[in-house]
Amino acid sequence: MEEIGVRDLKTHASEIVRRVREEQAQYTVTYRGKPVGVLMPLSDAPKVAAGMQESWMRLAALREKMARLPRPQRSLTETLDEIRR
């Protein structure tokens, strides 16, 4: 996926939207070099949403698994304090 800065997106918006529409191009939008969003054809959105849903389901299953584990005798803070001494 090609990266595009906010300034370039603003300057070339019409051309970029045309590429997304006609060529199914996808862009990662960056602000000061850091990714902040994605520009893609709307037809691709359900695929992305399905992948996100799967990730959330796996995360929920992991949370449930961790909740069943026994609690430690000491907190992590107490353990770190002891190590630092």
PDB file of N, CA and C in Angstrom:
ATOM      1  N   MET A   1       0.854  -1.168   0.000  1.00  0.00           N
ATOM      2  CA  MET A   1       0.000   0.000   0.000  1.00  0.00           C
ATOM      3  C   MET A   1       0.906   1.239   0.000  1.00  0.00           C
ATOM      4  N   GLU A   2       0.646   2.113  -0.913  1.00  0.00           N
ATOM      5  CA  GLU A   2       1.455   3.321  -1.061  1.00  0.00           C
ATOM      6  C   GLU A   2       1.143   4.330   0.042  1.00  0.00           C
ATOM      7  N   GLU A   3       2.170   5.015   0.530  1.00  0.00           N
ATOM      8  CA  GLU A   3       1.970   6.056   1.539  1.00  0.00           C
ATOM      9  C   GLU A   3       1.831   7.410   0.861  1.00  0.00           C
ATOM     10  N   ILE A   4       1.001   8.264   1.462  1.00  0.00           N
ATOM     11  CA  ILE A   4       0.843   9.616   0.953  1.00  0.00           C
ATOM     12  C   ILE A   4       0.670  10.559   2.132  1.00  0.00           C
ATOM     13  N   GLY A   5       1.416  11.637   2.115  1.00  0.00           N
ATOM     14  CA  GLY A   5       1.330  12.623   3.180  1.00  0.00           C
ATOM     15  C   GLY A   5       0.072  13.472   3.048  1.00  0.00           C
ATOM     16  N   VAL A   6      -0.363  14.038   4.151  1.00  0.00           N
ATOM     17  CA  VAL A   6      -1.563  14.870   4.162  1.00  0.00           C
ATOM     18  C   VAL A   6      -1.429  16.026   3.176  1.00  0.00           C
ATOM     19  N   ARG A   7      -0.256  16.647   3.128  1.00  0.00           N
ATOM     20  CA  ARG A   7      -0.051  17.781   2.218  1.00  0.00           C
ATOM     21  C   ARG A   7      -0.221  17.348   0.766  1.00  0.00           C
ATOM     22  N   ASP A   8       0.373  16.195   0.385  1.00  0.00           N
ATOM     23  CA  ASP A   8       0.213  15.697  -0.979  1.00  0.00           C
ATOM     24  C   ASP A   8      -1.235  15.309  -1.261  1.00  0.00           C
ATOM     25  N   LEU A   9      -1.898  14.746  -0.279  1.00  0.00           N
ATOM     26  CA  LEU A   9      -3.306  14.386  -0.445  1.00  0.00           C
ATOM     27  C   LEU A   9      -4.138  15.631  -0.725  1.00  0.00           C
ATOM     28  N   LYS A  10      -3.879  16.690   0.010  1.00  0.00           N
ATOM     29  CA  LYS A  10      -4.600  17.939  -0.196  1.00  0.00           C
ATOM     30  C   LYS A  10      -4.325  18.517  -1.589  1.00  0.00           C
ATOM     31  N   THR A  11      -3.071  18.508  -1.981  1.00  0.00           N
ATOM     32  CA  THR A  11      -2.678  19.085  -3.259  1.00  0.00           C
ATOM     33  C   THR A  11      -3.203  18.291  -4.446  1.00  0.00           C
ATOM     34  N   HIS A  12      -3.207  16.964  -4.330  1.00  0.00           N
ATOM     35  CA  HIS A  12      -3.554  16.097  -5.466  1.00  0.00           C
ATOM     36  C   HIS A  12      -4.819  15.279  -5.209  1.00  0.00           C
ATOM     37  N   ALA A  13      -5.742  15.794  -4.434  1.00  0.00           N
ATOM     38  CA  ALA A  13      -6.928  15.027  -4.023  1.00  0.00           C
ATOM     39  C   ALA A  13      -7.707  14.454  -5.197  1.00  0.00           C
ATOM     40  N   SER A  14      -7.966  15.253  -6.217  1.00  0.00           N
ATOM     41  CA  SER A  14      -8.753  14.775  -7.364  1.00  0.00           C
ATOM     42  C   SER A  14      -8.084  13.591  -8.051  1.00  0.00           C
ATOM     43  N   GLU A  15      -6.788  13.700  -8.287  1.00  0.00           N
ATOM     44  CA  GLU A  15      -6.049  12.621  -8.951  1.00  0.00           C
ATOM     45  C   GLU A  15      -6.022  11.363  -8.089  1.00  0.00           C
ATOM     46  N   ILE A  16      -5.832  11.522  -6.807  1.00  0.00           N
ATOM     47  CA  ILE A  16      -5.767  10.376  -5.897  1.00  0.00           C
ATOM     48  C   ILE A  16      -7.120   9.669  -5.820  1.00  0.00           C
ATOM     49  N   VAL A  17      -8.185  10.437  -5.687  1.00  0.00           N
ATOM     50  CA  VAL A  17      -9.527   9.839  -5.637  1.00  0.00           C
ATOM     51  C   VAL A  17      -9.836   9.135  -6.958  1.00  0.00           C
ATOM     52  N   ARG A  18      -9.405   9.710  -8.075  1.00  0.00           N
ATOM     53  CA  ARG A  18      -9.605   9.047  -9.365  1.00  0.00           C
ATOM     54  C   ARG A  18      -8.899   7.699  -9.391  1.00  0.00           C
ATOM     55  N   ARG A  19      -7.657   7.647  -8.888  1.00  0.00           N
ATOM     56  CA  ARG A  19      -6.916   6.378  -8.852  1.00  0.00           C
ATOM     57  C   ARG A  19      -7.614   5.351  -7.957  1.00  0.00           C
ATOM     58  N   VAL A  20      -8.111   5.812  -6.829  1.00  0.00           N
ATOM     59  CA  VAL A  20      -8.834   4.904  -5.924  1.00  0.00           C
ATOM     60  C   VAL A  20     -10.065   4.353  -6.638  1.00  0.00           C
ATOM     61  N   ARG A  21     -10.800   5.221  -7.294  1.00  0.00           N
ATOM     62  CA  ARG A  21     -12.040   4.823  -7.962  1.00  0.00           C
ATOM     63  C   ARG A  21     -11.779   3.930  -9.171  1.00  0.00           C
ATOM     64  N   GLU A  22     -10.859   4.334 -10.043  1.00  0.00           N
ATOM     65  CA  GLU A  22     -10.661   3.628 -11.304  1.00  0.00           C
ATOM     66  C   GLU A  22      -9.667   2.480 -11.224  1.00  0.00           C
ATOM     67  N   GLU A  23      -8.614   2.632 -10.430  1.00  0.00           N
ATOM     68  CA  GLU A  23      -7.544   1.637 -10.386  1.00  0.00           C
ATOM     69  C   GLU A  23      -7.552   0.810  -9.102  1.00  0.00           C
ATOM     70  N   GLN A  24      -8.535   1.077  -8.229  1.00  0.00           N
ATOM     71  CA  GLN A  24      -8.631   0.378  -6.939  1.00  0.00           C
ATOM     72  C   GLN A  24      -7.370   0.570  -6.099  1.00  0.00           C
ATOM     73  N   ALA A  25      -6.734   1.742  -6.239  1.00  0.00           N
ATOM     74  CA  ALA A  25      -5.520   2.048  -5.481  1.00  0.00           C
ATOM     75  C   ALA A  25      -5.853   2.194  -3.997  1.00  0.00           C
ATOM     76  N   GLN A  26      -4.870   1.907  -3.163  1.00  0.00           N
ATOM     77  CA  GLN A  26      -5.016   2.059  -1.717  1.00  0.00           C
ATOM     78  C   GLN A  26      -3.836   2.874  -1.208  1.00  0.00           C
ATOM     79  N   TYR A  27      -4.110   3.752  -0.255  1.00  0.00           N
ATOM     80  CA  TYR A  27      -3.084   4.622   0.291  1.00  0.00           C
ATOM     81  C   TYR A  27      -3.121   4.602   1.812  1.00  0.00           C
ATOM     82  N   THR A  28      -1.948   4.632   2.408  1.00  0.00           N
ATOM     83  CA  THR A  28      -1.833   4.901   3.836  1.00  0.00           C
ATOM     84  C   THR A  28      -1.542   6.391   3.951  1.00  0.00           C
ATOM     85  N   VAL A  29      -2.419   7.109   4.635  1.00  0.00           N
ATOM     86  CA  VAL A  29      -2.266   8.555   4.782  1.00  0.00           C
ATOM     87  C   VAL A  29      -1.392   8.808   6.006  1.00  0.00           C
ATOM     88  N   THR A  30      -0.381   9.657   5.834  1.00  0.00           N
ATOM     89  CA  THR A  30       0.538   9.953   6.927  1.00  0.00           C
ATOM     90  C   THR A  30       0.482  11.423   7.295  1.00  0.00           C
ATOM     91  N   TYR A  31       0.789  11.700   8.547  1.00  0.00           N
ATOM     92  CA  TYR A  31       0.915  13.064   9.045  1.00  0.00           C
ATOM     93  C   TYR A  31       2.245  13.140   9.761  1.00  0.00           C
ATOM     94  N   ARG A  32       3.138  13.947   9.236  1.00  0.00           N
ATOM     95  CA  ARG A  32       4.501  14.057   9.761  1.00  0.00           C
ATOM     96  C   ARG A  32       5.204  12.699   9.806  1.00  0.00           C
ATOM     97  N   GLY A  33       4.948  11.905   8.774  1.00  0.00           N
ATOM     98  CA  GLY A  33       5.606  10.614   8.630  1.00  0.00           C
ATOM     99  C   GLY A  33       4.977   9.462   9.384  1.00  0.00           C
ATOM    100  N   LYS A  34       3.944   9.727  10.174  1.00  0.00           N
ATOM    101  CA  LYS A  34       3.282   8.676  10.955  1.00  0.00           C
ATOM    102  C   LYS A  34       1.939   8.328  10.323  1.00  0.00           C
ATOM    103  N   PRO A  35       1.634   7.037  10.156  1.00  0.00           N
ATOM    104  CA  PRO A  35       0.344   6.640   9.573  1.00  0.00           C
ATOM    105  C   PRO A  35      -0.822   7.103  10.443  1.00  0.00           C
ATOM    106  N   VAL A  36      -1.840   7.680   9.794  1.00  0.00           N
ATOM    107  CA  VAL A  36      -3.026   8.147  10.521  1.00  0.00           C
ATOM    108  C   VAL A  36      -4.329   7.613   9.939  1.00  0.00           C
ATOM    109  N   GLY A  37      -4.281   7.050   8.745  1.00  0.00           N
ATOM    110  CA  GLY A  37      -5.505   6.554   8.142  1.00  0.00           C
ATOM    111  C   GLY A  37      -5.223   5.797   6.864  1.00  0.00           C
ATOM    112  N   VAL A  38      -6.301   5.291   6.294  1.00  0.00           N
ATOM    113  CA  VAL A  38      -6.199   4.524   5.058  1.00  0.00           C
ATOM    114  C   VAL A  38      -7.251   5.040   4.092  1.00  0.00           C
ATOM    115  N   LEU A  39      -6.867   5.182   2.838  1.00  0.00           N
ATOM    116  CA  LEU A  39      -7.785   5.572   1.776  1.00  0.00           C
ATOM    117  C   LEU A  39      -7.851   4.403   0.819  1.00  0.00           C
ATOM    118  N   MET A  40      -9.061   3.843   0.652  1.00  0.00           N
ATOM    119  CA  MET A  40      -9.226   2.668  -0.196  1.00  0.00           C
ATOM    120  C   MET A  40     -10.615   2.681  -0.817  1.00  0.00           C
ATOM    121  N   PRO A  41     -10.824   1.872  -1.847  1.00  0.00           N
ATOM    122  CA  PRO A  41     -12.152   1.782  -2.436  1.00  0.00           C
ATOM    123  C   PRO A  41     -13.153   1.260  -1.400  1.00  0.00           C
ATOM    124  N   LEU A  42     -14.338   1.781  -1.442  1.00  0.00           N
ATOM    125  CA  LEU A  42     -15.374   1.361  -0.507  1.00  0.00           C
ATOM    126  C   LEU A  42     -15.685  -0.129  -0.650  1.00  0.00           C
ATOM    127  N   SER A  43     -15.488  -0.675  -1.833  1.00  0.00           N
ATOM    128  CA  SER A  43     -15.750  -2.102  -2.051  1.00  0.00           C
ATOM    129  C   SER A  43     -14.814  -2.988  -1.233  1.00  0.00           C
ATOM    130  N   ASP A  44     -13.644  -2.469  -0.843  1.00  0.00           N
ATOM    131  CA  ASP A  44     -12.689  -3.240  -0.039  1.00  0.00           C
ATOM    132  C   ASP A  44     -12.990  -3.158   1.453  1.00  0.00           C
ATOM    133  N   ALA A  45     -13.821  -2.237   1.874  1.00  0.00           N
ATOM    134  CA  ALA A  45     -14.079  -2.012   3.298  1.00  0.00           C
ATOM    135  C   ALA A  45     -14.633  -3.238   4.021  1.00  0.00           C
ATOM    136  N   PRO A  46     -15.588  -3.990   3.441  1.00  0.00           N
ATOM    137  CA  PRO A  46     -16.077  -5.174   4.165  1.00  0.00           C
ATOM    138  C   PRO A  46     -14.989  -6.195   4.471  1.00  0.00           C
ATOM    139  N   LYS A  47     -14.016  -6.349   3.558  1.00  0.00           N
ATOM    140  CA  LYS A  47     -12.918  -7.283   3.802  1.00  0.00           C
ATOM    141  C   LYS A  47     -12.084  -6.828   4.997  1.00  0.00           C
ATOM    142  N   VAL A  48     -11.815  -5.536   5.051  1.00  0.00           N
ATOM    143  CA  VAL A  48     -11.033  -4.987   6.159  1.00  0.00           C
ATOM    144  C   VAL A  48     -11.808  -5.128   7.458  1.00  0.00           C
ATOM    145  N   ALA A  49     -13.095  -4.803   7.421  1.00  0.00           N
ATOM    146  CA  ALA A  49     -13.929  -4.909   8.616  1.00  0.00           C
ATOM    147  C   ALA A  49     -13.992  -6.348   9.111  1.00  0.00           C
ATOM    148  N   ALA A  50     -14.073  -7.305   8.204  1.00  0.00           N
ATOM    149  CA  ALA A  50     -14.114  -8.717   8.603  1.00  0.00           C
ATOM    150  C   ALA A  50     -12.814  -9.118   9.288  1.00  0.00           C
ATOM    151  N   GLY A  51     -11.696  -8.650   8.776  1.00  0.00           N
ATOM    152  CA  GLY A  51     -10.410  -8.941   9.406  1.00  0.00           C
ATOM    153  C   GLY A  51     -10.315  -8.335  10.786  1.00  0.00           C
ATOM    154  N   MET A  52     -10.838  -7.126  10.948  1.00  0.00           N
ATOM    155  CA  MET A  52     -10.826  -6.476  12.256  1.00  0.00           C
ATOM    156  C   MET A  52     -11.725  -7.235  13.231  1.00  0.00           C
ATOM    157  N   GLN A  53     -12.877  -7.681  12.757  1.00  0.00           N
ATOM    158  CA  GLN A  53     -13.798  -8.423  13.619  1.00  0.00           C
ATOM    159  C   GLN A  53     -13.137  -9.699  14.119  1.00  0.00           C
ATOM    160  N   GLU A  54     -12.432 -10.389  13.245  1.00  0.00           N
ATOM    161  CA  GLU A  54     -11.733 -11.609  13.633  1.00  0.00           C
ATOM    162  C   GLU A  54     -10.677 -11.317  14.697  1.00  0.00           C
ATOM    163  N   SER A  55      -9.956 -10.226  14.536  1.00  0.00           N
ATOM    164  CA  SER A  55      -8.931  -9.842  15.515  1.00  0.00           C
ATOM    165  C   SER A  55      -9.557  -9.552  16.876  1.00  0.00           C
ATOM    166  N   TRP A  56     -10.682  -8.830  16.884  1.00  0.00           N
ATOM    167  CA  TRP A  56     -11.359  -8.530  18.155  1.00  0.00           C
ATOM    168  C   TRP A  56     -11.863  -9.807  18.823  1.00  0.00           C
ATOM    169  N   MET A  57     -12.336 -10.752  18.035  1.00  0.00           N
ATOM    170  CA  MET A  57     -12.819 -12.020  18.599  1.00  0.00           C
ATOM    171  C   MET A  57     -11.666 -12.798  19.224  1.00  0.00           C
ATOM    172  N   ARG A  58     -10.510 -12.822  18.560  1.00  0.00           N
ATOM    173  CA  ARG A  58      -9.344 -13.512  19.119  1.00  0.00           C
ATOM    174  C   ARG A  58      -8.877 -12.836  20.401  1.00  0.00           C
ATOM    175  N   LEU A  59      -8.913 -11.509  20.420  1.00  0.00           N
ATOM    176  CA  LEU A  59      -8.527 -10.764  21.612  1.00  0.00           C
ATOM    177  C   LEU A  59      -9.482 -11.059  22.780  1.00  0.00           C
ATOM    178  N   ALA A  60     -10.779 -11.121  22.510  1.00  0.00           N
ATOM    179  CA  ALA A  60     -11.755 -11.441  23.554  1.00  0.00           C
ATOM    180  C   ALA A  60     -11.533 -12.851  24.094  1.00  0.00           C
ATOM    181  N   ALA A  61     -11.225 -13.799  23.214  1.00  0.00           N
ATOM    182  CA  ALA A  61     -10.964 -15.170  23.654  1.00  0.00           C
ATOM    183  C   ALA A  61      -9.713 -15.224  24.529  1.00  0.00           C
ATOM    184  N   LEU A  62      -8.686 -14.471  24.171  1.00  0.00           N
ATOM    185  CA  LEU A  62      -7.468 -14.425  24.977  1.00  0.00           C
ATOM    186  C   LEU A  62      -7.746 -13.812  26.341  1.00  0.00           C
ATOM    187  N   ARG A  63      -8.567 -12.778  26.376  1.00  0.00           N
ATOM    188  CA  ARG A  63      -8.929 -12.132  27.643  1.00  0.00           C
ATOM    189  C   ARG A  63      -9.645 -13.128  28.561  1.00  0.00           C
ATOM    190  N   GLU A  64     -10.575 -13.882  28.002  1.00  0.00           N
ATOM    191  CA  GLU A  64     -11.292 -14.883  28.794  1.00  0.00           C
ATOM    192  C   GLU A  64     -10.336 -15.950  29.321  1.00  0.00           C
ATOM    193  N   LYS A  65      -9.407 -16.389  28.488  1.00  0.00           N
ATOM    194  CA  LYS A  65      -8.431 -17.398  28.903  1.00  0.00           C
ATOM    195  C   LYS A  65      -7.566 -16.871  30.047  1.00  0.00           C
ATOM    196  N   MET A  66      -7.121 -15.620  29.929  1.00  0.00           N
ATOM    197  CA  MET A  66      -6.281 -15.031  30.974  1.00  0.00           C
ATOM    198  C   MET A  66      -7.068 -14.822  32.273  1.00  0.00           C
ATOM    199  N   ALA A  67      -8.347 -14.531  32.159  1.00  0.00           N
ATOM    200  CA  ALA A  67      -9.175 -14.315  33.345  1.00  0.00           C
ATOM    201  C   ALA A  67      -9.320 -15.601  34.159  1.00  0.00           C
ATOM    202  N   ARG A  68      -9.203 -16.749  33.514  1.00  0.00           N
ATOM    203  CA  ARG A  68      -9.316 -18.041  34.216  1.00  0.00           C
ATOM    204  C   ARG A  68      -8.025 -18.454  34.916  1.00  0.00           C
ATOM    205  N   LEU A  69      -6.916 -17.794  34.589  1.00  0.00           N
ATOM    206  CA  LEU A  69      -5.642 -18.133  35.227  1.00  0.00           C
ATOM    207  C   LEU A  69      -5.643 -17.693  36.688  1.00  0.00           C
ATOM    208  N   PRO A  70      -4.916 -18.411  37.538  1.00  0.00           N
ATOM    209  CA  PRO A  70      -4.857 -18.008  38.947  1.00  0.00           C
ATOM    210  C   PRO A  70      -4.132 -16.677  39.102  1.00  0.00           C
ATOM    211  N   ARG A  71      -4.579 -15.896  40.069  1.00  0.00           N
ATOM    212  CA  ARG A  71      -3.956 -14.602  40.348  1.00  0.00           C
ATOM    213  C   ARG A  71      -2.635 -14.818  41.081  1.00  0.00           C
ATOM    214  N   PRO A  72      -1.613 -14.017  40.763  1.00  0.00           N
ATOM    215  CA  PRO A  72      -0.334 -14.161  41.466  1.00  0.00           C
ATOM    216  C   PRO A  72      -0.458 -13.683  42.915  1.00  0.00           C
ATOM    217  N   GLN A  73       0.443 -14.170  43.768  1.00  0.00           N
ATOM    218  CA  GLN A  73       0.435 -13.795  45.183  1.00  0.00           C
ATOM    219  C   GLN A  73       0.815 -12.324  45.363  1.00  0.00           C
ATOM    220  N   ARG A  74       1.755 -11.846  44.535  1.00  0.00           N
ATOM    221  CA  ARG A  74       2.214 -10.465  44.640  1.00  0.00           C
ATOM    222  C   ARG A  74       1.901  -9.728  43.349  1.00  0.00           C
ATOM    223  N   SER A  75       1.768  -8.415  43.462  1.00  0.00           N
ATOM    224  CA  SER A  75       1.522  -7.603  42.270  1.00  0.00           C
ATOM    225  C   SER A  75       2.819  -7.450  41.486  1.00  0.00           C
ATOM    226  N   LEU A  76       2.688  -7.049  40.265  1.00  0.00           N
ATOM    227  CA  LEU A  76       3.854  -6.811  39.422  1.00  0.00           C
ATOM    228  C   LEU A  76       4.700  -5.679  40.008  1.00  0.00           C
ATOM    229  N   THR A  77       4.065  -4.676  40.558  1.00  0.00           N
ATOM    230  CA  THR A  77       4.790  -3.557  41.173  1.00  0.00           C
ATOM    231  C   THR A  77       5.647  -4.039  42.323  1.00  0.00           C
ATOM    232  N   GLU A  78       5.103  -4.904  43.172  1.00  0.00           N
ATOM    233  CA  GLU A  78       5.861  -5.444  44.294  1.00  0.00           C
ATOM    234  C   GLU A  78       7.048  -6.259  43.807  1.00  0.00           C
ATOM    235  N   THR A  79       6.845  -7.058  42.792  1.00  0.00           N
ATOM    236  CA  THR A  79       7.928  -7.874  42.238  1.00  0.00           C
ATOM    237  C   THR A  79       9.028  -6.987  41.659  1.00  0.00           C
ATOM    238  N   LEU A  80       8.660  -5.948  40.915  1.00  0.00           N
ATOM    239  CA  LEU A  80       9.658  -5.054  40.347  1.00  0.00           C
ATOM    240  C   LEU A  80      10.421  -4.298  41.437  1.00  0.00           C
ATOM    241  N   ASP A  81       9.727  -3.871  42.483  1.00  0.00           N
ATOM    242  CA  ASP A  81      10.397  -3.206  43.594  1.00  0.00           C
ATOM    243  C   ASP A  81      11.439  -4.112  44.221  1.00  0.00           C
ATOM    244  N   GLU A  82      11.095  -5.378  44.367  1.00  0.00           N
ATOM    245  CA  GLU A  82      12.045  -6.340  44.971  1.00  0.00           C
ATOM    246  C   GLU A  82      13.258  -6.540  44.071  1.00  0.00           C
ATOM    247  N   ILE A  83      13.048  -6.613  42.777  1.00  0.00           N
ATOM    248  CA  ILE A  83      14.156  -6.809  41.830  1.00  0.00           C
ATOM    249  C   ILE A  83      15.099  -5.611  41.854  1.00  0.00           C
ATOM    250  N   ARG A  84      14.569  -4.429  41.988  1.00  0.00           N
ATOM    251  CA  ARG A  84      15.385  -3.215  41.958  1.00  0.00           C
ATOM    252  C   ARG A  84      16.232  -3.020  43.190  1.00  0.00           C
ATOM    253  N   ARG A  85      15.919  -3.701  44.263  1.00  0.00           N
ATOM    254  CA  ARG A  85      16.686  -3.529  45.518  1.00  0.00           C
ATOM    255  C   ARG A  85      18.036  -4.169  45.449  1.00  0.00           C
TER     256      ARG A  85
END
